[in-house]
């Protein structure tokens, strides 16, 4: 792990920055005085100092915990279930355009929230030409009504 720069070293670096030294020149000047510091540490200190002077001190980013899905709200799930339960259910692409979410989100709602069921008389059918020739309706991976 990296160590923190002590106060004297920070002041030396910031003094050299005020004299318009580049980070590479600062590292070379400190090396002459037998002070070993990386160019990245100098650049980070310069950036943090500039941010502090500008008033936009950046806090360390934290990893956000995974919680409930943001797009798959109960209202969206209910609306999709209603659209899929009718006699002519919409396709995934039509549902995604209607509700402004991706087709993957629609697929996740169908598979996870609706547990693969699309309604009482609807079944999930992938697109197959052999079934189309036997009277099945084209579904292209969406919910469709099975033939009588």
Foldseek 3Di string as FASTA:
>chain_A
DDDDDDPVLLVLLVVVVVVVDQLVRSQVVVVVVVDHDDSVNSVVSVVQVVCVVVVNRDDDDDDDDDDDDPPPDPVLLVVQLVQLADQAHDALVVSCVVVVHDSVVVVCSCCPVVVVDNHDQKHFDAADVVVVVVPADGHNGGIHGGDD
